[in-house]
Amino acid sequence: MTWRSGIRQVCCCSYLNETRRIARTFLDRGLGTIVFANSRLATEVLATYLKEDFARAPLGADVIRGYRGDYLSLERREIERGLREGRLLGVVATNALELGIGPPDQIAVRARLSYTFPLNMAEVVWGNGSATFRQVFHSTRRENLAEASFEYKVEAENWRWARLAVWDVAADGVLGNPVWRDRTY
C-alpha cells in the first residue's frame, strides 16, 4: 500500500501519523501488514507507534517489528521467519526487506566424484550479481583411486548462480559449470 497526499488534499497531520492510522485499520482486522518507510528513523518511529497501539491489545506489542538493513543478519532472518510462519502481524521496514523475504536462501550441492589422488578440499562458489562468495569444505578422505558422494549446504543470501570446485592433494581441480537460480536476471 502506498499513500501520498495529493496536491488538492489538505492534511494537517504528519505522514507518519497518517500511515499509522491506515496500518492500524488493517492490523485491527488481523490482516498481516507490511509498511515500507522511507528512512531508518521513520521505520523506528512507526514501529514504536504501532507497538504502543498494540501494547494493551490481546496479541501484545510483540506482533509488531521493525526491519532495517543494519539489523544483525540473524535478527533479520528471525523477523522474516516470523512473517512466513504468521507469528508477526505487522512489520515496518525500509527497502531492505525486499531483498530477504521468501524462503531461506540455501544452496544444496550433491555430487558423485571419481578421483585418483586423495581429496584436499571442495568449495561452493556463488554470486549475487554484485559480489562473489565461497565456502571451503576440507576433505577427510585420504584414499587413492576412489569414488564417493558428497553433499554440501551453504546459506547464501540472494544468490543468483553457484558452482562446485573440488581440489585434490596434487592441486588438480575440477570446476563444475555454474548453475543459475533464475535466468530472468
Foldseek 3Di string as FASTA:
>chain_A
DDDDADPPDDDPDDPLVVVLVVVCVQVVVLAAEEAADADPVSQVVSLVVNQVVQCPPPLHSVLEEEEEPPDDPVVNVVVLVCSVVVVHRYYYYYCVVVQAHDDFAKDKDKDKDFFAAAWAWKKKWWDQVPDIDIDIDGDPGGDGGDIDMDMDMDRDGNTFKMWMKTAHPVRDIDTGDIDGPDPPD
